[in-house]
Amino acid sequence: MLAGCGKPENTPAPVAPSVVTYERGRMSVPAVAGSPSRNFSVPSPAEKAVARQLCDQLKQNLPVNRVQELLSDARTLESPALLDVASQVLTHTDPEARILGLTLVEGFDSPDIVSLVNRAMKDANDDVRIEAMEVAQHVTDASVYPLLLAAMEDSNLSVRQLALQTATSRPDEIKSQAIVRAATSTFEDMANAGLAHLEARPSKMSISLAMRALDHTHQSVRQQAHELLFLTTHQSFRSHADAQAWWTRNQDAFDEDLVIIDPERFIRR
């Protein structure tokens, strides 16, 4: 609500944060997802030798159950040698094997993982890309940021939502970029999630993004934007153009956090 203004009649109910149901990686381990990320150890000659041996066997496009057995051996590795094994498994023709390969490096935090995730994000299989996002969420290096932002436009809802969840847990610079991208997305789930973030962080930038959403192709996004703007400005707008024209005339009555500083302007006499 605006400071200095009484609640107008017929005020819409407050907007509840958007709740989107989405899938997590089918083979992702909850204990890994909830644990602190790990760093790779320095690769030893022994680990490199094990990785080379595994890669040679995995080149044969083995049945998935055999791949799973070999990867059990790979899970004893703690160095970037794991990346060689995971990379080899990504060439397998069965998506189940490719998912298993990605789980090898889930939970590790290293910029070296980003190129592997980029490859996985080009996979045609949705579950492979979902698992790629499970891997990416543990990487804190800034090199993963472009990947997360691009994933927010993936064709799969779960990939998009995992990317948004990860990006908004990062420092403010990438978090702000992610919220802007979500709020202006053509995808209904992204736009609604973006507006929910904007509602929690009111600012002059956020109100402009909410106004753009008044012209969204999806009715639920338009409604959420309308309610957000009504609660913020006490005005009902028909369209982005209508809202923008009003904002151009009245934005100087608000501070940067959208607190009204000139209440006299809006008092009906």
C-alpha atoms as a PDB file:
ATOM      1  CA  MET A   1       0.000   0.000   0.000  1.00  0.00           C
ATOM      2  CA  LEU A   2       1.121   3.585  -0.568  1.00  0.00           C
ATOM      3  CA  ALA A   3       2.187   5.541   2.455  1.00  0.00           C
ATOM      4  CA  GLY A   4      -0.194   8.395   3.143  1.00  0.00           C
ATOM      5  CA  CYS A   5      -3.123   6.936   1.246  1.00  0.00           C
ATOM      6  CA  GLY A   6      -6.200   5.263   2.644  1.00  0.00           C
ATOM      7  CA  LYS A   7      -7.404   1.993   1.206  1.00  0.00           C
ATOM      8  CA  PRO A   8      -9.745   2.707  -1.720  1.00  0.00           C
ATOM      9  CA  GLU A   9     -13.060   0.999  -2.161  1.00  0.00           C
ATOM     10  CA  ASN A  10     -13.200  -2.211  -4.179  1.00  0.00           C
ATOM     11  CA  THR A  11      -9.508  -2.867  -3.770  1.00  0.00           C
ATOM     12  CA  PRO A  12      -8.609  -6.243  -5.319  1.00  0.00           C
ATOM     13  CA  ALA A  13      -7.354  -8.947  -2.976  1.00  0.00           C
ATOM     14  CA  PRO A  14      -3.569  -8.977  -2.518  1.00  0.00           C
ATOM     15  CA  VAL A  15      -1.677 -10.912  -5.121  1.00  0.00           C
ATOM     16  CA  ALA A  16      -0.438 -14.262  -3.826  1.00  0.00           C
ATOM     17  CA  PRO A  17       3.028 -15.286  -5.026  1.00  0.00           C
ATOM     18  CA  SER A  18       2.734 -17.512  -8.065  1.00  0.00           C
ATOM     19  CA  VAL A  19       3.176 -21.201  -7.296  1.00  0.00           C
ATOM     20  CA  VAL A  20       4.311 -23.260 -10.257  1.00  0.00           C
ATOM     21  CA  THR A  21       4.547 -27.033 -10.050  1.00  0.00           C
ATOM     22  CA  TYR A  22       7.591 -28.372 -11.830  1.00  0.00           C
ATOM     23  CA  GLU A  23       9.696 -31.519 -11.907  1.00  0.00           C
ATOM     24  CA  ARG A  24      13.116 -32.058 -10.373  1.00  0.00           C
ATOM     25  CA  GLY A  25      15.688 -34.325 -11.968  1.00  0.00           C
ATOM     26  CA  ARG A  26      14.418 -37.926 -11.895  1.00  0.00           C
ATOM     27  CA  MET A  27      17.830 -39.275 -10.930  1.00  0.00           C
ATOM     28  CA  SER A  28      18.887 -36.343  -8.828  1.00  0.00           C
ATOM     29  CA  VAL A  29      19.799 -37.292  -5.267  1.00  0.00           C
ATOM     30  CA  PRO A  30      17.922 -35.131  -2.685  1.00  0.00           C
ATOM     31  CA  ALA A  31      20.812 -35.491  -0.229  1.00  0.00           C
ATOM     32  CA  VAL A  32      23.156 -33.987  -2.825  1.00  0.00           C
ATOM     33  CA  ALA A  33      20.757 -31.156  -3.679  1.00  0.00           C
ATOM     34  CA  GLY A  34      20.512 -30.151  -0.028  1.00  0.00           C
ATOM     35  CA  SER A  35      24.203 -30.452   0.794  1.00  0.00           C
ATOM     36  CA  PRO A  36      26.995 -27.877   0.421  1.00  0.00           C
ATOM     37  CA  SER A  37      28.728 -28.005  -2.944  1.00  0.00           C
ATOM     38  CA  ARG A  38      32.047 -29.806  -3.209  1.00  0.00           C
ATOM     39  CA  ASN A  39      35.248 -28.767  -4.940  1.00  0.00           C
ATOM     40  CA  PHE A  40      37.237 -31.053  -7.186  1.00  0.00           C
ATOM     41  CA  SER A  41      40.464 -32.440  -5.801  1.00  0.00           C
ATOM     42  CA  VAL A  42      43.748 -32.289  -7.704  1.00  0.00           C
ATOM     43  CA  PRO A  43      43.696 -35.161 -10.236  1.00  0.00           C
ATOM     44  CA  SER A  44      46.125 -37.941  -9.439  1.00  0.00           C
ATOM     45  CA  PRO A  45      47.747 -40.203 -12.065  1.00  0.00           C
ATOM     46  CA  ALA A  46      45.659 -43.072 -10.655  1.00  0.00           C
ATOM     47  CA  GLU A  47      42.374 -41.176 -11.108  1.00  0.00           C
ATOM     48  CA  LYS A  48      43.319 -40.176 -14.637  1.00  0.00           C
ATOM     49  CA  ALA A  49      44.053 -43.805 -15.466  1.00  0.00           C
ATOM     50  CA  VAL A  50      40.703 -44.969 -14.075  1.00  0.00           C
ATOM     51  CA  ALA A  51      38.888 -42.257 -16.055  1.00  0.00           C
ATOM     52  CA  ARG A  52      40.660 -43.236 -19.291  1.00  0.00           C
ATOM     53  CA  GLN A  53      39.760 -46.889 -18.778  1.00  0.00           C
ATOM     54  CA  LEU A  54      36.122 -46.055 -18.120  1.00  0.00           C
ATOM     55  CA  CYS A  55      35.919 -43.760 -21.146  1.00  0.00           C
ATOM     56  CA  ASP A  56      37.310 -46.500 -23.393  1.00  0.00           C
ATOM     57  CA  GLN A  57      34.616 -48.921 -22.202  1.00  0.00           C
ATOM     58  CA  LEU A  58      31.841 -46.331 -22.441  1.00  0.00           C
ATOM     59  CA  LYS A  59      32.661 -45.610 -26.094  1.00  0.00           C
ATOM     60  CA  GLN A  60      30.956 -48.910 -26.925  1.00  0.00           C
ATOM     61  CA  ASN A  61      27.426 -47.541 -26.302  1.00  0.00           C
ATOM     62  CA  LEU A  62      26.753 -50.243 -23.736  1.00  0.00           C
ATOM     63  CA  PRO A  63      23.304 -51.136 -22.320  1.00  0.00           C
ATOM     64  CA  VAL A  64      22.158 -48.721 -19.627  1.00  0.00           C
ATOM     65  CA  ASN A  65      22.489 -51.279 -16.837  1.00  0.00           C
ATOM     66  CA  ARG A  66      26.146 -51.822 -17.798  1.00  0.00           C
ATOM     67  CA  VAL A  67      26.697 -48.060 -17.976  1.00  0.00           C
ATOM     68  CA  GLN A  68      25.283 -47.780 -14.471  1.00  0.00           C
ATOM     69  CA  GLU A  69      27.745 -50.389 -13.220  1.00  0.00           C
ATOM     70  CA  LEU A  70      30.705 -48.563 -14.738  1.00  0.00           C
ATOM     71  CA  LEU A  71      29.567 -45.257 -13.314  1.00  0.00           C
ATOM     72  CA  SER A  72      29.527 -46.791  -9.852  1.00  0.00           C
ATOM     73  CA  ASP A  73      33.288 -47.094 -10.252  1.00  0.00           C
ATOM     74  CA  ALA A  74      33.473 -43.539 -11.560  1.00  0.00           C
ATOM     75  CA  ARG A  75      31.795 -42.218  -8.427  1.00  0.00           C
ATOM     76  CA  THR A  76      34.948 -42.988  -6.467  1.00  0.00           C
ATOM     77  CA  LEU A  77      36.678 -40.200  -8.391  1.00  0.00           C
ATOM     78  CA  GLU A  78      36.873 -36.739  -6.825  1.00  0.00           C
ATOM     79  CA  SER A  79      38.788 -34.794  -9.458  1.00  0.00           C
ATOM     80  CA  PRO A  80      38.030 -33.179 -12.846  1.00  0.00           C
ATOM     81  CA  ALA A  81      38.698 -36.629 -14.307  1.00  0.00           C
ATOM     82  CA  LEU A  82      34.987 -37.143 -13.626  1.00  0.00           C
ATOM     83  CA  LEU A  83      34.236 -34.628 -16.350  1.00  0.00           C
ATOM     84  CA  ASP A  84      35.916 -36.810 -18.965  1.00  0.00           C
ATOM     85  CA  VAL A  85      33.703 -39.748 -17.998  1.00  0.00           C
ATOM     86  CA  ALA A  86      30.532 -37.626 -17.913  1.00  0.00           C
ATOM     87  CA  SER A  87      31.418 -36.113 -21.274  1.00  0.00           C
ATOM     88  CA  GLN A  88      31.830 -39.551 -22.808  1.00  0.00           C
ATOM     89  CA  VAL A  89      28.459 -40.709 -21.457  1.00  0.00           C
ATOM     90  CA  LEU A  90      26.778 -37.682 -23.050  1.00  0.00           C
ATOM     91  CA  THR A  91      27.489 -39.297 -26.447  1.00  0.00           C
ATOM     92  CA  HIS A  92      25.358 -42.355 -25.543  1.00  0.00           C
ATOM     93  CA  THR A  93      22.248 -42.876 -27.656  1.00  0.00           C
ATOM     94  CA  ASP A  94      20.024 -43.620 -24.642  1.00  0.00           C
ATOM     95  CA  PRO A  95      18.912 -40.518 -22.689  1.00  0.00           C
ATOM     96  CA  GLU A  96      18.786 -42.590 -19.492  1.00  0.00           C
ATOM     97  CA  ALA A  97      22.541 -43.111 -19.789  1.00  0.00           C
ATOM     98  CA  ARG A  98      23.127 -39.426 -20.514  1.00  0.00           C
ATOM     99  CA  ILE A  99      21.202 -38.476 -17.372  1.00  0.00           C
ATOM    100  CA  LEU A 100      23.296 -40.906 -15.339  1.00  0.00           C
ATOM    101  CA  GLY A 101      26.435 -39.319 -16.742  1.00  0.00           C
ATOM    102  CA  LEU A 102      25.354 -35.884 -15.559  1.00  0.00           C
ATOM    103  CA  THR A 103      24.650 -37.146 -12.048  1.00  0.00           C
ATOM    104  CA  LEU A 104      28.364 -37.940 -11.760  1.00  0.00           C
ATOM    105  CA  VAL A 105      29.181 -34.242 -11.346  1.00  0.00           C
ATOM    106  CA  GLU A 106      26.041 -33.103  -9.535  1.00  0.00           C
ATOM    107  CA  GLY A 107      27.039 -31.433  -6.291  1.00  0.00           C
ATOM    108  CA  PHE A 108      30.432 -30.206  -7.505  1.00  0.00           C
ATOM    109  CA  ASP A 109      31.186 -26.499  -7.819  1.00  0.00           C
ATOM    110  CA  SER A 110      33.649 -25.746 -10.593  1.00  0.00           C
ATOM    111  CA  PRO A 111      33.648 -23.490 -13.660  1.00  0.00           C
ATOM    112  CA  ASP A 112      34.965 -26.499 -15.584  1.00  0.00           C
ATOM    113  CA  ILE A 113      31.470 -28.006 -15.352  1.00  0.00           C
ATOM    114  CA  VAL A 114      29.840 -25.192 -17.353  1.00  0.00           C
ATOM    115  CA  SER A 115      30.927 -26.456 -20.781  1.00  0.00           C
ATOM    116  CA  LEU A 116      29.501 -29.893 -19.975  1.00  0.00           C
ATOM    117  CA  VAL A 117      26.177 -28.373 -18.921  1.00  0.00           C
ATOM    118  CA  ASN A 118      26.111 -26.265 -22.079  1.00  0.00           C
ATOM    119  CA  ARG A 119      26.415 -29.434 -24.128  1.00  0.00           C
ATOM    120  CA  ALA A 120      23.644 -31.111 -22.150  1.00  0.00           C
ATOM    121  CA  MET A 121      21.365 -28.115 -22.649  1.00  0.00           C
ATOM    122  CA  LYS A 122      21.425 -28.799 -26.397  1.00  0.00           C
ATOM    123  CA  ASP A 123      20.010 -32.292 -25.789  1.00  0.00           C
ATOM    124  CA  ALA A 124      16.592 -32.967 -27.344  1.00  0.00           C
ATOM    125  CA  ASN A 125      15.470 -34.916 -24.271  1.00  0.00           C
ATOM    126  CA  ASP A 126      13.715 -32.850 -21.600  1.00  0.00           C
ATOM    127  CA  ASP A 127      14.903 -35.017 -18.703  1.00  0.00           C
ATOM    128  CA  VAL A 128      18.526 -34.603 -19.741  1.00  0.00           C
ATOM    129  CA  ARG A 129      18.145 -30.815 -19.720  1.00  0.00           C
ATOM    130  CA  ILE A 130      16.379 -30.921 -16.335  1.00  0.00           C
ATOM    131  CA  GLU A 131      19.306 -32.883 -14.902  1.00  0.00           C
ATOM    132  CA  ALA A 132      21.675 -30.349 -16.476  1.00  0.00           C
ATOM    133  CA  MET A 133      19.955 -27.664 -14.401  1.00  0.00           C
ATOM    134  CA  GLU A 134      20.340 -29.812 -11.285  1.00  0.00           C
ATOM    135  CA  VAL A 135      24.076 -29.829 -11.983  1.00  0.00           C
ATOM    136  CA  ALA A 136      24.194 -26.095 -12.772  1.00  0.00           C
ATOM    137  CA  GLN A 137      22.581 -25.070  -9.491  1.00  0.00           C
ATOM    138  CA  HIS A 138      25.755 -26.056  -7.612  1.00  0.00           C
ATOM    139  CA  VAL A 139      28.067 -23.955  -9.796  1.00  0.00           C
ATOM    140  CA  THR A 140      28.697 -20.508  -8.311  1.00  0.00           C
ATOM    141  CA  ASP A 141      31.208 -19.180 -10.846  1.00  0.00           C
ATOM    142  CA  ALA A 142      29.921 -16.264 -12.934  1.00  0.00           C
ATOM    143  CA  SER A 143      30.552 -18.236 -16.123  1.00  0.00           C
ATOM    144  CA  VAL A 144      27.294 -20.112 -15.457  1.00  0.00           C
ATOM    145  CA  TYR A 145      25.148 -16.957 -15.479  1.00  0.00           C
ATOM    146  CA  PRO A 146      24.564 -16.708 -19.271  1.00  0.00           C
ATOM    147  CA  LEU A 147      23.597 -20.386 -19.289  1.00  0.00           C
ATOM    148  CA  LEU A 148      20.997 -19.846 -16.549  1.00  0.00           C
ATOM    149  CA  LEU A 149      19.478 -16.843 -18.297  1.00  0.00           C
ATOM    150  CA  ALA A 150      19.264 -18.721 -21.600  1.00  0.00           C
ATOM    151  CA  ALA A 151      17.684 -21.738 -19.865  1.00  0.00           C
ATOM    152  CA  MET A 152      14.845 -19.512 -18.665  1.00  0.00           C
ATOM    153  CA  GLU A 153      13.609 -19.577 -22.276  1.00  0.00           C
ATOM    154  CA  ASP A 154      13.797 -23.358 -22.616  1.00  0.00           C
ATOM    155  CA  SER A 155      10.771 -25.112 -24.102  1.00  0.00           C
ATOM    156  CA  ASN A 156      10.379 -27.197 -20.927  1.00  0.00           C
ATOM    157  CA  LEU A 157       8.689 -25.587 -17.908  1.00  0.00           C
ATOM    158  CA  SER A 158      10.784 -27.465 -15.343  1.00  0.00           C
ATOM    159  CA  VAL A 159      14.036 -26.404 -16.990  1.00  0.00           C
ATOM    160  CA  ARG A 160      12.848 -22.789 -16.993  1.00  0.00           C
ATOM    161  CA  GLN A 161      11.781 -22.833 -13.360  1.00  0.00           C
ATOM    162  CA  LEU A 162      14.970 -24.519 -12.128  1.00  0.00           C
ATOM    163  CA  ALA A 163      17.009 -21.941 -14.033  1.00  0.00           C
ATOM    164  CA  LEU A 164      15.029 -19.077 -12.476  1.00  0.00           C
ATOM    165  CA  GLN A 165      15.289 -20.593  -9.011  1.00  0.00           C
ATOM    166  CA  THR A 166      19.062 -20.897  -9.363  1.00  0.00           C
ATOM    167  CA  ALA A 167      19.600 -17.459 -10.903  1.00  0.00           C
ATOM    168  CA  THR A 168      17.582 -15.696  -8.200  1.00  0.00           C
ATOM    169  CA  SER A 169      19.749 -17.326  -5.519  1.00  0.00           C
ATOM    170  CA  ARG A 170      22.832 -15.663  -6.996  1.00  0.00           C
ATOM    171  CA  PRO A 171      24.229 -12.144  -6.315  1.00  0.00           C
ATOM    172  CA  ASP A 172      21.970  -9.151  -6.964  1.00  0.00           C
ATOM    173  CA  GLU A 173      23.326  -8.403 -10.439  1.00  0.00           C
ATOM    174  CA  ILE A 174      22.319 -11.757 -11.933  1.00  0.00           C
ATOM    175  CA  LYS A 175      19.223 -11.970  -9.723  1.00  0.00           C
ATOM    176  CA  SER A 176      17.934  -8.674 -11.131  1.00  0.00           C
ATOM    177  CA  GLN A 177      18.643  -9.769 -14.708  1.00  0.00           C
ATOM    178  CA  ALA A 178      16.761 -13.011 -14.111  1.00  0.00           C
ATOM    179  CA  ILE A 179      13.726 -11.240 -12.666  1.00  0.00           C
ATOM    180  CA  VAL A 180      13.590  -8.819 -15.593  1.00  0.00           C
ATOM    181  CA  ARG A 181      13.866 -11.687 -18.076  1.00  0.00           C
ATOM    182  CA  ALA A 182      11.153 -13.646 -16.284  1.00  0.00           C
ATOM    183  CA  ALA A 183       8.749 -10.704 -16.013  1.00  0.00           C
ATOM    184  CA  THR A 184       9.096  -9.954 -19.732  1.00  0.00           C
ATOM    185  CA  SER A 185       8.980 -13.575 -20.896  1.00  0.00           C
ATOM    186  CA  THR A 186       6.337 -14.752 -23.330  1.00  0.00           C
ATOM    187  CA  PHE A 187       5.943 -17.921 -21.228  1.00  0.00           C
ATOM    188  CA  GLU A 188       3.025 -17.707 -18.800  1.00  0.00           C
ATOM    189  CA  ASP A 189       4.817 -19.480 -15.947  1.00  0.00           C
ATOM    190  CA  MET A 190       7.900 -17.274 -16.261  1.00  0.00           C
ATOM    191  CA  ALA A 191       5.974 -14.023 -16.466  1.00  0.00           C
ATOM    192  CA  ASN A 192       3.847 -14.857 -13.414  1.00  0.00           C
ATOM    193  CA  ALA A 193       6.917 -15.879 -11.421  1.00  0.00           C
ATOM    194  CA  GLY A 194       8.676 -12.697 -12.475  1.00  0.00           C
ATOM    195  CA  LEU A 195       5.744 -10.553 -11.348  1.00  0.00           C
ATOM    196  CA  ALA A 196       5.701 -12.330  -7.988  1.00  0.00           C
ATOM    197  CA  HIS A 197       9.357 -11.338  -7.541  1.00  0.00           C
ATOM    198  CA  LEU A 198       8.577  -7.753  -8.565  1.00  0.00           C
ATOM    199  CA  GLU A 199       5.820  -7.522  -5.983  1.00  0.00           C
ATOM    200  CA  ALA A 200       8.337  -8.462  -3.298  1.00  0.00           C
ATOM    201  CA  ARG A 201      10.809  -5.828  -4.513  1.00  0.00           C
ATOM    202  CA  PRO A 202       8.795  -2.700  -5.400  1.00  0.00           C
ATOM    203  CA  SER A 203      10.715  -0.054  -7.303  1.00  0.00           C
ATOM    204  CA  LYS A 204      10.319   2.313 -10.228  1.00  0.00           C
ATOM    205  CA  MET A 205      11.948  -0.307 -12.445  1.00  0.00           C
ATOM    206  CA  SER A 206       9.531  -2.979 -11.274  1.00  0.00           C
ATOM    207  CA  ILE A 207       6.452  -0.871 -11.936  1.00  0.00           C
ATOM    208  CA  SER A 208       7.536  -0.323 -15.537  1.00  0.00           C
ATOM    209  CA  LEU A 209       7.904  -4.063 -16.028  1.00  0.00           C
ATOM    210  CA  ALA A 210       4.491  -4.687 -14.471  1.00  0.00           C
ATOM    211  CA  MET A 211       2.955  -2.178 -16.865  1.00  0.00           C
ATOM    212  CA  ARG A 212       4.417  -4.048 -19.831  1.00  0.00           C
ATOM    213  CA  ALA A 213       2.764  -7.230 -18.546  1.00  0.00           C
ATOM    214  CA  LEU A 214      -0.682  -5.620 -18.959  1.00  0.00           C
ATOM    215  CA  ASP A 215      -0.398  -6.484 -22.655  1.00  0.00           C
ATOM    216  CA  HIS A 216       0.745 -10.077 -22.145  1.00  0.00           C
ATOM    217  CA  THR A 217      -0.898 -12.732 -24.304  1.00  0.00           C
ATOM    218  CA  HIS A 218      -1.937 -14.762 -21.235  1.00  0.00           C
ATOM    219  CA  GLN A 219      -4.899 -13.588 -19.165  1.00  0.00           C
ATOM    220  CA  SER A 220      -3.424 -14.773 -15.855  1.00  0.00           C
ATOM    221  CA  VAL A 221      -0.352 -12.590 -16.397  1.00  0.00           C
ATOM    222  CA  ARG A 222      -2.462  -9.563 -17.321  1.00  0.00           C
ATOM    223  CA  GLN A 223      -4.606 -10.080 -14.208  1.00  0.00           C
ATOM    224  CA  GLN A 224      -1.611 -10.418 -11.915  1.00  0.00           C
ATOM    225  CA  ALA A 225      -0.051  -7.282 -13.389  1.00  0.00           C
ATOM    226  CA  HIS A 226      -3.339  -5.380 -12.992  1.00  0.00           C
ATOM    227  CA  GLU A 227      -3.664  -6.361  -9.336  1.00  0.00           C
ATOM    228  CA  LEU A 228      -0.032  -5.566  -8.579  1.00  0.00           C
ATOM    229  CA  LEU A 229      -0.375  -2.112 -10.125  1.00  0.00           C
ATOM    230  CA  PHE A 230      -3.682  -1.441  -8.362  1.00  0.00           C
ATOM    231  CA  LEU A 231      -2.161  -2.245  -4.995  1.00  0.00           C
ATOM    232  CA  THR A 232       0.822  -0.032  -5.781  1.00  0.00           C
ATOM    233  CA  THR A 233      -0.836   2.978  -7.424  1.00  0.00           C
ATOM    234  CA  HIS A 234      -4.554   2.648  -6.547  1.00  0.00           C
ATOM    235  CA  GLN A 235      -5.231   2.986 -10.256  1.00  0.00           C
ATOM    236  CA  SER A 236      -6.883   0.571 -12.677  1.00  0.00           C
ATOM    237  CA  PHE A 237      -5.297   0.439 -16.121  1.00  0.00           C
ATOM    238  CA  ARG A 238      -6.663  -1.017 -19.333  1.00  0.00           C
ATOM    239  CA  SER A 239      -3.356  -1.486 -21.126  1.00  0.00           C
ATOM    240  CA  HIS A 240       0.371  -0.807 -21.067  1.00  0.00           C
ATOM    241  CA  ALA A 241      -0.157   2.413 -23.029  1.00  0.00           C
ATOM    242  CA  ASP A 242      -2.838   3.580 -20.596  1.00  0.00           C
ATOM    243  CA  ALA A 243      -0.605   2.822 -17.608  1.00  0.00           C
ATOM    244  CA  GLN A 244       2.479   4.376 -19.150  1.00  0.00           C
ATOM    245  CA  ALA A 245       0.655   7.606 -19.942  1.00  0.00           C
ATOM    246  CA  TRP A 246      -0.516   7.873 -16.321  1.00  0.00           C
ATOM    247  CA  TRP A 247       2.962   7.032 -15.017  1.00  0.00           C
ATOM    248  CA  THR A 248       4.591   9.700 -17.175  1.00  0.00           C
ATOM    249  CA  ARG A 249       2.329  12.297 -15.554  1.00  0.00           C
ATOM    250  CA  ASN A 250       2.629  11.019 -11.977  1.00  0.00           C
ATOM    251  CA  GLN A 251       5.913   9.171 -11.408  1.00  0.00           C
ATOM    252  CA  ASP A 252       7.434  12.201  -9.695  1.00  0.00           C
ATOM    253  CA  ALA A 253       4.895  11.693  -6.878  1.00  0.00           C
ATOM    254  CA  PHE A 254       6.728   8.478  -5.858  1.00  0.00           C
ATOM    255  CA  ASP A 255      10.181   7.785  -4.491  1.00  0.00           C
ATOM    256  CA  GLU A 256      12.404   5.000  -5.853  1.00  0.00           C
ATOM    257  CA  ASP A 257      10.695   2.422  -3.610  1.00  0.00           C
ATOM    258  CA  LEU A 258       7.236   3.509  -4.807  1.00  0.00           C
ATOM    259  CA  VAL A 259       6.314   5.205  -1.562  1.00  0.00           C
ATOM    260  CA  ILE A 260       4.105   8.197  -2.329  1.00  0.00           C
ATOM    261  CA  ILE A 261       5.740  11.508  -1.501  1.00  0.00           C
ATOM    262  CA  ASP A 262       2.979  13.778  -2.803  1.00  0.00           C
ATOM    263  CA  PRO A 263      -0.306  12.380  -1.417  1.00  0.00           C
ATOM    264  CA  GLU A 264      -2.163  15.641  -2.053  1.00  0.00           C
ATOM    265  CA  ARG A 265      -2.081  14.884  -5.772  1.00  0.00           C
ATOM    266  CA  PHE A 266      -4.279  11.814  -5.309  1.00  0.00           C
ATOM    267  CA  ILE A 267      -6.798  13.090  -2.751  1.00  0.00           C
ATOM    268  CA  ARG A 268     -10.256  13.369  -4.248  1.00  0.00           C
ATOM    269  CA  ARG A 269     -11.942  16.562  -3.229  1.00  0.00           C
END
